Amino acid sequence: MKFEVSVEKRLYTTGKVIVDCDKSDQAVEMVQNQIDKAILQTTAVTWNTPKYEDMSFQVTGDVD
């Protein structure tokens, strides 16, 4: 018998959002609140080049 086993390797990227605040912790809180309330959209972020996550190659558990 032959089985098709699904595998994955995660890809990630980081980005930057500019906000105007008095302190850095306020900036983090502001951005997190905007994410939580769906105010900040991914299209508003300046993204870096995606990279594969180290040690993320694994099976998903799905088999056909």
Protein backbone atom coordinates (compact mmCIF):
# COMPACT_ATOMS: atom_id res chain seq x y z
CA MET A 1 0.00 0.00 0.00
CA LYS A 2 1.06 3.57 -0.62
CA PHE A 3 0.10 6.50 1.60
CA GLU A 4 0.33 10.22 1.00
CA VAL A 5 1.54 11.86 4.22
CA SER A 6 1.17 15.64 4.59
CA VAL A 7 4.19 17.58 5.78
CA GLU A 8 4.70 21.22 6.59
CA LYS A 9 7.45 23.79 6.96
CA ARG A 10 6.35 27.06 8.50
CA LEU A 11 7.13 30.36 6.83
CA TYR A 12 7.14 33.55 8.87
CA THR A 13 7.85 37.22 8.45
CA THR A 14 8.02 40.25 10.69
CA GLY A 15 6.93 43.76 9.94
CA LYS A 16 6.76 47.25 11.34
CA VAL A 17 3.94 49.63 12.15
CA ILE A 18 4.60 53.28 13.01
CA VAL A 19 2.58 54.75 15.89
CA ASP A 20 2.87 58.02 17.79
CA CYS A 21 3.13 57.55 21.59
CA ASP A 22 5.05 58.86 24.59
CA LYS A 23 6.53 55.49 25.68
CA SER A 24 7.50 52.26 23.95
CA ASP A 25 5.19 50.14 26.12
CA GLN A 26 2.29 52.39 25.11
CA ALA A 27 3.18 51.79 21.46
CA VAL A 28 3.12 48.02 21.91
CA GLU A 29 -0.20 48.21 23.76
CA MET A 30 -1.69 50.47 21.08
CA VAL A 31 -0.72 48.13 18.25
CA GLN A 32 -1.94 45.05 20.16
CA ASN A 33 -5.28 46.75 20.83
CA GLN A 34 -5.60 47.62 17.14
CA ILE A 35 -4.91 43.97 16.24
CA ASP A 36 -7.38 42.68 18.85
CA LYS A 37 -10.13 45.00 17.61
CA ALA A 38 -9.38 44.23 13.92
CA ILE A 39 -8.53 47.89 13.32
CA LEU A 40 -4.98 47.16 12.14
CA GLN A 41 -5.00 45.10 8.96
CA THR A 42 -2.05 43.14 7.61
CA THR A 43 -2.10 45.29 4.47
CA ALA A 44 -1.09 48.29 6.62
CA VAL A 45 2.14 46.60 7.78
CA THR A 46 5.52 47.03 6.08
CA TRP A 47 6.67 43.41 5.88
CA ASN A 48 10.20 42.00 5.65
CA THR A 49 11.13 39.13 3.35
CA PRO A 50 9.55 35.85 4.55
CA LYS A 51 11.87 33.17 5.96
CA TYR A 52 11.36 29.53 6.85
CA GLU A 53 11.16 28.87 10.57
CA ASP A 54 14.10 26.77 11.81
CA MET A 55 13.25 23.23 12.89
CA SER A 56 9.66 23.56 11.61
CA PHE A 57 9.75 20.71 9.06
CA GLN A 58 7.37 18.04 10.36
CA VAL A 59 4.42 15.83 9.54
CA THR A 60 0.92 17.28 10.02
CA GLY A 61 -0.70 13.99 10.94
CA ASP A 62 -2.92 13.94 7.84
CA VAL A 63 -2.70 10.81 5.69
CA ASP A 64 -4.55 9.97 2.49
